[in-house]
């Protein structure tokens, strides 16, 4: 193997003080889960402020770095060559040889050496090693130039019980490891925005559940499959997602019959939030997530969002609130959801849309018109909750956990 190990770099976790170990352990768990998808055996360990992934047998480099590249919390993946500790002269030869393999094209390139010596009994300290190794590299490769401020190449060496050499740093996603920030319920539609919203909140360490509202026969099975496919794409980064599939048709038709048509969207949205929150509380989520951004559509003006929020007791997270559509599309392409999102299968939000929806709703007026629903709406909400079909959606497979009308264990 050219590289026997990978040094995992993180950023925010390093400033967590006394809780740092908890975040490191969360990151280690996510790394181990990612590596289960790879051929080969690996050991993941924490030591002296570092996380190492040691390869115990042959592996596919692109596969491993690709999987590590989906783990939130990692900012850099450094392929490492491991050597036994040796005398300074032999060490200089080994570093020169490694550098030559890594950079066959060296003319005009600038470099510096950065050493971290944890083996305190070694005869040279870190500064002396930097100087000695830098001099050896210049003698071997006179076409190089030293630049200690903004070098093109940084030759890293860590001197521990063995010698760890690396110079390449593959970028990671950053953020916080999933599971370190609680759990929230994503209102997942078939559009572009909500999968991006889920990705962005998960990047802050939050585990995702998701709720989808379907409206058969106005929405098709293919529309639901589209949502499942989107959940699979998001699950590449988050791990398995519990997807709740709710039949919303009866409630939509009742709202259409009893409420002013210019308020259809806002009232439907309020009932979606009520139902999603009920599921969230039952499944121990600490908040709701939506893909709304200010002014994108009539139901996303500031007044509309305030009226929607009024039915919730859990916090509502809207990570796209200040994004424009192009910015959202850019992220959706980056995470692989865009092509699925633009497939022409409508969700329930696009079926009953008023020609001239209200953009400045007044909460008291909306609440008064919702009283038109009092006769049946509570029963309808209970029936909608009873339709809850739960799927466990992972990147490679989907499993039905609960069909409609089956009992649900608390905290699922």
Protein backbone atom coordinates (compact mmCIF):
# COMPACT_ATOMS: atom_id res chain seq x y z
CA UNK A 1 0.00 0.00 0.00
CA UNK A 2 1.29 3.45 -0.89
CA UNK A 3 -0.53 4.95 2.12
CA UNK A 4 -1.01 2.88 5.25
CA UNK A 5 -3.14 5.43 7.07
CA UNK A 6 -5.26 8.58 6.82
CA UNK A 7 -4.98 11.45 9.24
CA UNK A 8 -8.42 12.99 9.73
CA UNK A 9 -8.46 16.74 10.29
CA UNK A 10 -11.34 18.56 11.98
CA UNK A 11 -11.92 22.21 12.81
CA UNK A 12 -14.78 23.23 15.14
CA UNK A 13 -14.45 20.13 17.30
CA UNK A 14 -11.00 21.32 18.33
CA UNK A 15 -12.41 24.29 20.27
CA UNK A 16 -15.05 22.38 22.24
CA UNK A 17 -13.07 22.46 25.48
CA UNK A 18 -14.00 19.81 28.04
CA UNK A 19 -16.63 18.37 25.65
CA UNK A 20 -14.14 17.84 22.85
CA UNK A 21 -13.84 14.11 23.54
CA UNK A 22 -17.59 13.61 23.08
CA UNK A 23 -17.48 15.25 19.67
CA UNK A 24 -14.39 13.28 18.68
CA UNK A 25 -16.13 10.05 19.63
CA UNK A 26 -19.18 11.06 17.56
CA UNK A 27 -16.89 11.69 14.59
CA UNK A 28 -15.15 8.34 15.10
CA UNK A 29 -18.54 6.59 15.05
CA UNK A 30 -19.50 8.27 11.78
CA UNK A 31 -16.13 7.39 10.23
CA UNK A 32 -16.55 3.75 11.20
CA UNK A 33 -20.03 3.68 9.66
CA UNK A 34 -18.68 5.16 6.43
CA UNK A 35 -15.83 2.63 6.27
CA UNK A 36 -18.28 -0.28 6.57
CA UNK A 37 -19.23 0.52 2.97
CA UNK A 38 -15.62 -0.06 1.83
CA UNK A 39 -13.73 -3.21 0.98
CA UNK A 40 -10.95 -3.95 3.46
CA UNK A 41 -10.38 -3.72 7.20
CA UNK A 42 -9.61 -0.50 9.04
CA UNK A 43 -8.80 0.66 12.55
CA UNK A 44 -10.05 4.10 13.65
CA UNK A 45 -8.33 5.59 16.68
CA UNK A 46 -8.02 8.83 18.64
CA UNK A 47 -4.62 9.83 19.95
CA UNK A 48 -3.06 13.12 21.07
CA UNK A 49 -5.63 15.35 19.36
CA UNK A 50 -5.59 13.30 16.17
CA UNK A 51 -7.90 10.78 14.53
CA UNK A 52 -6.22 8.13 12.39
CA UNK A 53 -7.73 5.60 10.01
CA UNK A 54 -5.24 2.74 9.66
CA UNK A 55 -5.64 0.32 6.76
CA UNK A 56 -5.14 -3.26 7.97
CA UNK A 57 -5.24 -4.75 4.48
CA UNK A 58 -5.37 -3.72 0.85
CA UNK A 59 -8.07 -1.17 -0.04
CA UNK A 60 -9.35 1.00 -2.88
CA UNK A 61 -8.00 4.53 -2.34
CA UNK A 62 -10.75 6.29 -4.28
CA UNK A 63 -13.47 4.30 -2.52
CA UNK A 64 -12.13 5.07 0.95
CA UNK A 65 -11.51 8.76 0.35
CA UNK A 66 -14.90 9.04 -1.34
CA UNK A 67 -16.70 7.59 1.68
CA UNK A 68 -14.72 9.70 4.14
CA UNK A 69 -15.67 12.69 2.00
CA UNK A 70 -19.34 12.20 2.96
CA UNK A 71 -18.72 12.46 6.72
CA UNK A 72 -19.69 15.76 8.35
CA UNK A 73 -17.05 17.00 10.78
CA UNK A 74 -14.06 16.18 8.58
CA UNK A 75 -12.29 19.17 7.02
CA UNK A 76 -9.28 17.33 5.65
CA UNK A 77 -8.28 13.77 4.71
CA UNK A 78 -4.51 13.30 4.67
CA UNK A 79 -3.07 10.13 3.09
CA UNK A 80 -0.18 9.06 5.33
CA UNK A 81 2.99 7.01 4.79
CA UNK A 82 4.10 5.28 8.00
CA UNK A 83 7.76 4.52 8.72
CA UNK A 84 9.60 3.13 11.70
CA UNK A 85 11.51 5.66 13.79
CA UNK A 86 15.08 5.97 12.48
CA UNK A 87 18.22 7.99 13.06
CA UNK A 88 18.24 11.57 11.65
CA UNK A 89 20.34 10.76 8.57
CA UNK A 90 18.17 7.81 7.59
CA UNK A 91 15.05 9.84 8.30
CA UNK A 92 16.19 12.58 5.92
CA UNK A 93 16.69 10.01 3.16
CA UNK A 94 13.21 8.59 3.75
CA UNK A 95 11.57 12.03 3.64
CA UNK A 96 13.45 12.95 0.45
CA UNK A 97 12.31 9.71 -1.21
CA UNK A 98 8.68 10.24 -0.12
CA UNK A 99 8.68 13.82 -1.39
CA UNK A 100 10.08 12.70 -4.73
CA UNK A 101 7.31 10.10 -5.15
CA UNK A 102 4.59 12.58 -4.22
CA UNK A 103 5.85 15.39 -6.46
CA UNK A 104 7.63 14.19 -9.60
CA UNK A 105 7.09 17.68 -11.12
CA UNK A 106 8.96 20.07 -8.82
CA UNK A 107 10.45 22.86 -10.94
CA UNK A 108 9.73 26.30 -9.47
CA UNK A 109 7.51 24.99 -6.67
CA UNK A 110 7.74 26.37 -3.15
CA UNK A 111 7.63 24.33 0.05
CA UNK A 112 8.10 24.27 3.78
CA UNK A 113 8.49 21.49 6.35
CA UNK A 114 6.24 21.29 9.38
CA UNK A 115 7.18 18.79 12.09
CA UNK A 116 5.30 17.69 15.19
CA UNK A 117 7.52 15.74 17.60
CA UNK A 118 5.63 13.76 20.23
CA UNK A 119 8.51 11.33 20.85
CA UNK A 120 10.40 13.62 23.22
CA UNK A 121 13.41 11.33 23.45
CA UNK A 122 14.31 11.93 19.79
CA UNK A 123 17.70 13.72 19.50
CA UNK A 124 16.31 16.63 17.42
CA UNK A 125 13.40 18.88 18.40
CA UNK A 126 10.71 20.11 15.99
CA UNK A 127 12.53 23.26 14.86
CA UNK A 128 15.77 21.36 14.29
CA UNK A 129 13.92 18.70 12.31
CA UNK A 130 12.27 21.39 10.15
CA UNK A 131 15.67 22.87 9.34
CA UNK A 132 17.43 19.54 8.73
CA UNK A 133 14.67 18.10 6.54
CA UNK A 134 14.25 21.35 4.59
CA UNK A 135 17.98 21.44 3.88
CA UNK A 136 17.94 17.80 2.76
CA UNK A 137 15.08 18.47 0.35
CA UNK A 138 16.84 21.48 -1.16
CA UNK A 139 20.04 19.49 -1.64
CA UNK A 140 18.17 16.65 -3.32
CA UNK A 141 15.87 18.88 -5.38
CA UNK A 142 17.57 22.22 -6.05
CA UNK A 143 14.69 23.25 -8.32
CA UNK A 144 12.56 23.78 -5.20
CA UNK A 145 12.28 27.07 -3.30
CA UNK A 146 11.53 27.64 0.37
CA UNK A 147 8.53 29.78 1.31
CA UNK A 148 7.59 29.63 4.99
CA UNK A 149 4.58 31.97 4.62
CA UNK A 150 2.53 30.76 1.62
CA UNK A 151 4.16 27.57 0.30
CA UNK A 152 2.60 25.53 -2.48
CA UNK A 153 3.62 22.33 -0.69
CA UNK A 154 3.73 21.64 3.03
CA UNK A 155 5.69 18.53 3.97
CA UNK A 156 4.25 17.29 7.25
CA UNK A 157 5.97 14.86 9.59
CA UNK A 158 4.66 13.62 12.92
CA UNK A 159 7.16 11.79 15.10
CA UNK A 160 5.32 9.42 17.43
CA UNK A 161 5.94 5.76 18.20
CA UNK A 162 6.38 5.69 14.42
CA UNK A 163 6.95 8.33 11.76
CA UNK A 164 3.91 9.69 9.90
CA UNK A 165 4.55 11.52 6.62
CA UNK A 166 1.96 13.37 4.54
CA UNK A 167 1.66 16.39 2.27
CA UNK A 168 -1.68 16.11 0.44
CA UNK A 169 -4.88 17.24 2.16
CA UNK A 170 -8.13 16.18 0.46
CA UNK A 171 -11.00 18.53 1.40
CA UNK A 172 -13.81 17.30 3.63
CA UNK A 173 -17.34 18.63 4.14
CA UNK A 174 -16.65 20.38 7.45
CA UNK A 175 -19.46 20.91 9.95
CA UNK A 176 -20.17 18.68 12.94
CA UNK A 177 -20.58 14.89 13.11
CA UNK A 178 -24.17 13.69 12.74
CA UNK A 179 -25.63 12.77 16.10
CA UNK A 180 -23.74 15.40 18.07
CA UNK A 181 -26.50 18.03 17.70
CA UNK A 182 -29.75 16.22 18.49
CA UNK A 183 -32.52 15.22 16.07
CA UNK A 184 -35.01 17.20 13.98
CA UNK A 185 -37.92 16.51 11.63
CA UNK A 186 -37.52 17.60 8.00
CA UNK A 187 -40.65 18.42 6.00
CA UNK A 188 -39.46 16.75 2.81
CA UNK A 189 -41.22 17.52 -0.47
CA UNK A 190 -40.24 16.60 -3.99
CA UNK A 191 -38.80 20.04 -4.70
CA UNK A 192 -35.29 21.46 -4.80
CA UNK A 193 -35.28 23.26 -1.46
CA UNK A 194 -36.16 20.81 1.30
CA UNK A 195 -33.40 18.22 0.61
CA UNK A 196 -30.86 21.06 0.68
CA UNK A 197 -32.32 22.32 3.96
CA UNK A 198 -32.00 18.85 5.47
CA UNK A 199 -28.40 18.54 4.30
CA UNK A 200 -27.46 21.90 5.78
CA UNK A 201 -28.99 21.21 9.20
CA UNK A 202 -27.44 17.73 9.25
CA UNK A 203 -24.10 19.41 8.62
CA UNK A 204 -24.50 21.01 12.04
CA UNK A 205 -24.55 17.55 13.63
CA UNK A 206 -28.33 17.05 13.64
CA UNK A 207 -29.77 13.62 12.89
CA UNK A 208 -32.72 13.72 10.46
CA UNK A 209 -36.16 12.19 10.42
CA UNK A 210 -38.47 13.30 7.59
CA UNK A 211 -42.20 13.68 6.90
CA UNK A 212 -43.76 13.64 3.43
CA UNK A 213 -47.38 14.61 2.71
CA UNK A 214 -48.92 12.79 -0.23
CA UNK A 215 -52.34 13.39 -1.78
CA UNK A 216 -53.56 10.35 -3.72
CA UNK A 217 -55.04 10.23 -6.31
CA UNK A 218 -53.86 13.79 -7.07
CA UNK A 219 -50.26 12.73 -6.54
CA UNK A 220 -48.86 9.53 -8.01
CA UNK A 221 -46.78 6.67 -6.62
CA UNK A 222 -43.97 8.02 -8.76
CA UNK A 223 -44.14 11.30 -6.85
CA UNK A 224 -43.61 9.39 -3.62
CA UNK A 225 -40.78 7.37 -5.15
CA UNK A 226 -39.15 10.66 -6.10
CA UNK A 227 -39.19 11.69 -2.43
CA UNK A 228 -37.73 8.32 -1.41
CA UNK A 229 -34.96 8.82 -3.97
CA UNK A 230 -34.24 12.28 -2.55
CA UNK A 231 -34.08 10.84 0.95
CA UNK A 232 -31.58 8.25 -0.30
CA UNK A 233 -29.37 11.01 -1.69
CA UNK A 234 -29.47 12.95 1.58
CA UNK A 235 -28.82 9.73 3.53
CA UNK A 236 -25.41 9.49 1.82
CA UNK A 237 -24.35 12.20 4.24
CA UNK A 238 -26.66 11.67 7.21
CA UNK A 239 -27.03 7.93 7.56
CA UNK A 240 -30.46 6.23 7.66
CA UNK A 241 -33.53 8.51 7.64
CA UNK A 242 -36.89 7.52 9.11
CA UNK A 243 -39.33 8.74 6.46
CA UNK A 244 -42.97 9.22 7.52
CA UNK A 245 -45.45 9.06 4.62
CA UNK A 246 -48.72 10.84 5.50
CA UNK A 247 -51.94 10.81 3.44
CA UNK A 248 -53.06 14.47 3.36
CA UNK A 249 -55.82 14.27 0.73
CA UNK A 250 -58.82 14.38 3.04
CA UNK A 251 -57.51 17.43 4.90
CA UNK A 252 -56.66 19.26 1.69
CA UNK A 253 -60.10 18.72 0.21
CA UNK A 254 -61.78 19.83 3.43
CA UNK A 255 -59.72 23.02 3.56
CA UNK A 256 -60.54 23.63 -0.12
CA UNK A 257 -64.26 23.26 0.66
CA UNK A 258 -64.42 25.32 3.85
CA UNK A 259 -61.77 28.07 3.64
CA UNK A 260 -61.17 31.10 1.38
CA UNK A 261 -59.21 30.01 -1.64
CA UNK A 262 -56.62 32.76 -1.38
CA UNK A 263 -55.71 31.29 2.05
CA UNK A 264 -55.50 27.64 0.95
CA UNK A 265 -51.71 27.42 0.90
CA UNK A 266 -51.14 29.08 4.25
CA UNK A 267 -53.84 27.03 6.01
CA UNK A 268 -52.63 23.77 4.45
CA UNK A 269 -49.13 24.67 5.53
CA UNK A 270 -50.27 25.26 9.09
CA UNK A 271 -51.85 21.80 9.23
CA UNK A 272 -48.75 20.20 7.77
CA UNK A 273 -46.70 21.84 10.51
CA UNK A 274 -49.14 20.65 13.18
CA UNK A 275 -48.97 17.06 11.93
CA UNK A 276 -45.19 17.10 11.44
CA UNK A 277 -44.77 18.48 14.95
CA UNK A 278 -47.00 15.76 16.40
CA UNK A 279 -44.79 13.12 14.75
CA UNK A 280 -41.65 14.99 15.81
CA UNK A 281 -42.68 15.00 19.47
CA UNK A 282 -43.63 11.33 19.32
CA UNK A 283 -40.22 10.46 17.86
CA UNK A 284 -38.20 12.69 20.22
CA UNK A 285 -37.17 15.30 17.68
CA UNK A 286 -36.22 18.71 19.05
CA UNK A 287 -37.26 20.84 16.07
CA UNK A 288 -38.71 21.07 12.57
CA UNK A 289 -36.79 21.83 9.36
CA UNK A 290 -38.24 23.45 6.24
CA UNK A 291 -36.77 24.63 2.94
CA UNK A 292 -38.39 28.07 2.96
CA UNK A 293 -36.59 31.27 1.95
CA UNK A 294 -37.99 34.76 2.31
CA UNK A 295 -40.13 35.88 -0.61
CA UNK A 296 -39.61 32.86 -2.83
CA UNK A 297 -43.38 32.17 -3.02
CA UNK A 298 -46.51 33.68 -1.44
CA UNK A 299 -46.40 31.36 1.58
CA UNK A 300 -42.81 32.43 2.31
CA UNK A 301 -43.22 36.15 2.93
CA UNK A 302 -42.24 37.22 6.41
CA UNK A 303 -45.88 37.61 7.46
CA UNK A 304 -46.77 34.22 6.02
CA UNK A 305 -43.89 32.56 7.86
CA UNK A 306 -44.96 34.21 11.10
CA UNK A 307 -48.51 32.90 10.68
CA UNK A 308 -47.15 29.41 9.94
CA UNK A 309 -44.87 29.51 12.98
CA UNK A 310 -47.79 30.38 15.24
CA UNK A 311 -49.05 26.77 15.27
CA UNK A 312 -45.68 25.34 16.38
CA UNK A 313 -44.25 24.92 19.85
CA UNK A 314 -41.01 23.33 18.64
CA UNK A 315 -38.40 25.57 17.00
CA UNK A 316 -38.54 25.75 13.20
CA UNK A 317 -35.16 25.77 11.45
CA UNK A 318 -34.98 27.39 8.00
CA UNK A 319 -31.35 27.22 6.87
CA UNK A 320 -32.19 28.59 3.38
CA UNK A 321 -34.00 31.65 4.68
CA UNK A 322 -31.56 34.14 3.08
CA UNK A 323 -30.66 32.12 -0.03
CA UNK A 324 -31.82 32.93 -3.54
CA UNK A 325 -32.86 30.15 -5.90
CA UNK A 326 -29.54 29.97 -7.73
CA UNK A 327 -27.66 29.51 -4.48
CA UNK A 328 -30.01 26.69 -3.48
CA UNK A 329 -29.61 25.04 -6.89
CA UNK A 330 -25.83 25.22 -6.55
CA UNK A 331 -25.93 23.25 -3.29
CA UNK A 332 -28.47 20.77 -4.68
CA UNK A 333 -26.14 20.00 -7.58
CA UNK A 334 -23.23 19.63 -5.19
CA UNK A 335 -25.05 17.04 -3.05
CA UNK A 336 -26.62 15.20 -6.00
CA UNK A 337 -30.32 15.95 -5.42
CA UNK A 338 -30.95 18.44 -8.24
CA UNK A 339 -31.63 16.00 -11.09
CA UNK A 340 -34.11 14.06 -8.96
CA UNK A 341 -35.81 17.22 -7.68
CA UNK A 342 -36.60 18.52 -11.17
CA UNK A 343 -38.37 15.34 -12.28
CA UNK A 344 -41.95 16.31 -13.30
CA UNK A 345 -43.90 14.63 -10.50
CA UNK A 346 -45.97 17.09 -8.47
CA UNK A 347 -46.28 17.03 -4.70
CA UNK A 348 -49.40 17.90 -2.74
CA UNK A 349 -48.37 21.54 -2.30
CA UNK A 350 -48.67 22.17 -6.04
CA UNK A 351 -52.10 20.57 -6.55
CA UNK A 352 -54.41 23.03 -4.76
CA UNK A 353 -52.80 26.39 -5.47
CA UNK A 354 -54.83 29.60 -5.51
CA UNK A 355 -54.52 31.90 -8.49
CA UNK A 356 -53.96 34.86 -6.18
CA UNK A 357 -52.71 33.59 -2.81
CA UNK A 358 -52.59 35.94 0.14
CA UNK A 359 -49.10 37.34 0.75
CA UNK A 360 -49.81 39.37 3.91
CA UNK A 361 -51.97 37.08 6.02
CA UNK A 362 -53.29 38.29 9.37
CA UNK A 363 -53.08 35.67 12.08
CA UNK A 364 -56.44 36.45 13.65
CA UNK A 365 -58.17 36.27 10.27
CA UNK A 366 -56.53 32.95 9.39
CA UNK A 367 -57.41 31.51 12.80
CA UNK A 368 -61.02 32.66 12.42
CA UNK A 369 -61.33 31.02 9.02
CA UNK A 370 -59.81 27.81 10.40
CA UNK A 371 -62.81 27.64 12.74
CA UNK A 372 -64.77 26.68 9.60
CA UNK A 373 -62.98 23.34 9.92
CA UNK A 374 -63.90 22.68 13.55
CA UNK A 375 -66.59 20.11 12.84
CA UNK A 376 -64.27 17.47 11.36
CA UNK A 377 -60.65 18.62 11.33
CA UNK A 378 -59.50 17.00 14.59
CA UNK A 379 -60.78 13.61 13.46
CA UNK A 380 -59.14 14.11 10.07
CA UNK A 381 -55.80 14.93 11.66
CA UNK A 382 -56.02 11.76 13.77
CA UNK A 383 -56.84 9.73 10.65
CA UNK A 384 -53.92 11.33 8.80
CA UNK A 385 -51.59 10.38 11.66
CA UNK A 386 -52.96 6.83 11.49
CA UNK A 387 -51.94 6.65 7.81
CA UNK A 388 -48.31 7.15 8.86
CA UNK A 389 -46.24 4.66 6.89
CA UNK A 390 -42.63 4.64 8.12
CA UNK A 391 -39.73 3.72 5.87
CA UNK A 392 -36.09 3.48 6.88
CA UNK A 393 -34.27 5.03 3.94
CA UNK A 394 -30.54 4.51 3.55
CA UNK A 395 -28.37 5.30 0.58
CA UNK A 396 -28.44 1.73 -0.74
CA UNK A 397 -31.76 0.32 0.45
CA UNK A 398 -35.25 1.09 1.75
CA UNK A 399 -37.11 -0.93 4.37
CA UNK A 400 -40.73 -0.55 5.50
CA UNK A 401 -40.73 -0.29 9.30
CA UNK A 402 -44.45 0.36 9.80
CA UNK A 403 -47.46 0.24 7.53
CA UNK A 404 -50.48 2.49 8.05
CA UNK A 405 -52.68 1.75 11.10
CA UNK A 406 -50.00 -0.41 12.79
CA UNK A 407 -49.05 0.49 16.38
CA UNK A 408 -45.96 2.65 16.83
CA UNK A 409 -43.53 2.35 19.71
CA UNK A 410 -42.74 5.52 21.61
CA UNK A 411 -39.45 7.17 20.68
CA UNK A 412 -39.17 5.38 17.33
